[in-house]
Every structure is written in C-alpha cells, then in structure tokens.
C-alpha cells in the first residue's frame, strides 16, 4: 500500500500543479506535453481523478491507517 500511496500523492500533485498553471497563467501543462485531447492526456486526467477518490476514501474511512503508513514511510526515508 505504501507504493500506491506515493503514486497517488504524486498524481495529485501533478493535477494540482496543472490546475494552478491553468488558473494563474491559462497554461495546461499536461495538454501541452501530450496533446489537449490525446489518449495519454485523458489517461493522466483519469488517474488523477482516481487518485483523488482513493485519497478521499483513505482519509474518510482509514485516517489512522493512512497516517501510520505515511509516518512509517517517512521514518524509513530519514534513516
């Protein structure tokens, strides 16, 4: 589950940064890299959406477990 947590967090950061660029500068980074309506862009958008649903589920139904997984992961990285 730790790998899944890290992947979903990275995807959420990509999505958040992309929306920030769209909001502040009108620039869609994912669209610029992969094409506005390409299949790759749609897959990335879908994965970001699924990641958000996964994180909502973790924080809604398993907050303690999610916190423990992240704390264990961060402790392992520091050592």
Protein backbone atom coordinates (compact mmCIF):
# COMPACT_ATOMS: atom_id res chain seq x y z
CA UNK A 1 0.00 0.00 0.00
CA UNK A 2 2.89 2.39 0.56
CA UNK A 3 3.73 2.40 -3.15
CA UNK A 4 0.11 3.08 -4.02
CA UNK A 5 0.02 5.95 -1.52
CA UNK A 6 3.14 7.50 -3.04
CA UNK A 7 1.88 7.10 -6.61
CA UNK A 8 -1.48 8.66 -5.76
CA UNK A 9 0.20 11.56 -3.98
CA UNK A 10 2.46 12.23 -6.97
CA UNK A 11 -0.54 12.13 -9.31
CA UNK A 12 -2.46 14.52 -7.07
CA UNK A 13 0.49 16.90 -7.03
CA UNK A 14 0.71 16.77 -10.84
CA UNK A 15 -3.02 17.50 -11.04
CA UNK A 16 -2.83 20.33 -8.52
CA UNK A 17 0.15 21.94 -10.25
CA UNK A 18 -1.56 21.62 -13.61
CA UNK A 19 -4.71 23.31 -12.28
CA UNK A 20 -2.58 26.01 -10.68
CA UNK A 21 -0.93 26.72 -14.01
CA UNK A 22 -4.32 26.78 -15.72
CA UNK A 23 -5.74 29.13 -13.09
CA UNK A 24 -2.83 31.57 -12.92
CA UNK A 25 -1.48 31.52 -16.45
CA UNK A 26 -4.06 29.78 -18.64
CA UNK A 27 -1.45 27.11 -19.44
CA UNK A 28 -2.33 23.41 -19.42
CA UNK A 29 0.97 21.56 -18.91
CA UNK A 30 -0.47 18.07 -19.42
CA UNK A 31 -2.21 19.21 -22.59
CA UNK A 32 0.96 20.91 -23.83
CA UNK A 33 3.08 17.81 -23.22
CA UNK A 34 0.73 15.15 -24.52
CA UNK A 35 -1.86 16.99 -26.62
CA UNK A 36 -5.13 18.55 -25.50
CA UNK A 37 -7.38 15.63 -26.38
CA UNK A 38 -4.88 12.80 -26.73
CA UNK A 39 -5.44 9.42 -25.14
CA UNK A 40 -2.39 9.90 -22.89
CA UNK A 41 -3.80 13.18 -21.51
CA UNK A 42 -7.16 11.54 -20.84
CA UNK A 43 -5.44 8.66 -19.04
CA UNK A 44 -3.46 11.08 -16.88
CA UNK A 45 -6.61 13.03 -16.03
CA UNK A 46 -8.44 9.79 -15.21
CA UNK A 47 -5.59 8.60 -12.97
CA UNK A 48 -5.55 11.93 -11.14
CA UNK A 49 -9.30 11.60 -10.57
CA UNK A 50 -8.96 8.02 -9.32
CA UNK A 51 -6.13 9.12 -7.04
CA UNK A 52 -8.38 11.78 -5.54
CA UNK A 53 -11.11 9.21 -4.91
CA UNK A 54 -8.58 6.85 -3.31
CA UNK A 55 -7.27 9.59 -1.00
CA UNK A 56 -10.81 10.67 -0.07
CA UNK A 57 -11.51 7.06 0.89
CA UNK A 58 -8.31 6.79 2.91
CA UNK A 59 -8.93 9.99 4.81
CA UNK A 60 -12.63 9.31 5.29
CA UNK A 61 -12.56 5.67 6.30
CA UNK A 62 -8.98 4.95 7.30
CA UNK A 63 -7.34 8.10 8.60
CA UNK A 64 -5.34 6.37 11.33
CA UNK A 65 -4.06 3.67 8.96
CA UNK A 66 -3.09 6.26 6.36
CA UNK A 67 -1.24 8.33 8.95
CA UNK A 68 0.66 5.27 10.16
CA UNK A 69 1.65 4.28 6.60
CA UNK A 70 2.96 7.77 5.87
CA UNK A 71 4.80 8.05 9.20
CA UNK A 72 6.43 4.65 8.66
CA UNK A 73 7.42 5.63 5.10
CA UNK A 74 8.89 8.97 6.19
CA UNK A 75 10.78 7.32 9.07
CA UNK A 76 12.27 4.77 6.68
CA UNK A 77 13.37 7.52 4.28
CA UNK A 78 15.06 9.54 7.05
CA UNK A 79 17.12 6.58 8.24
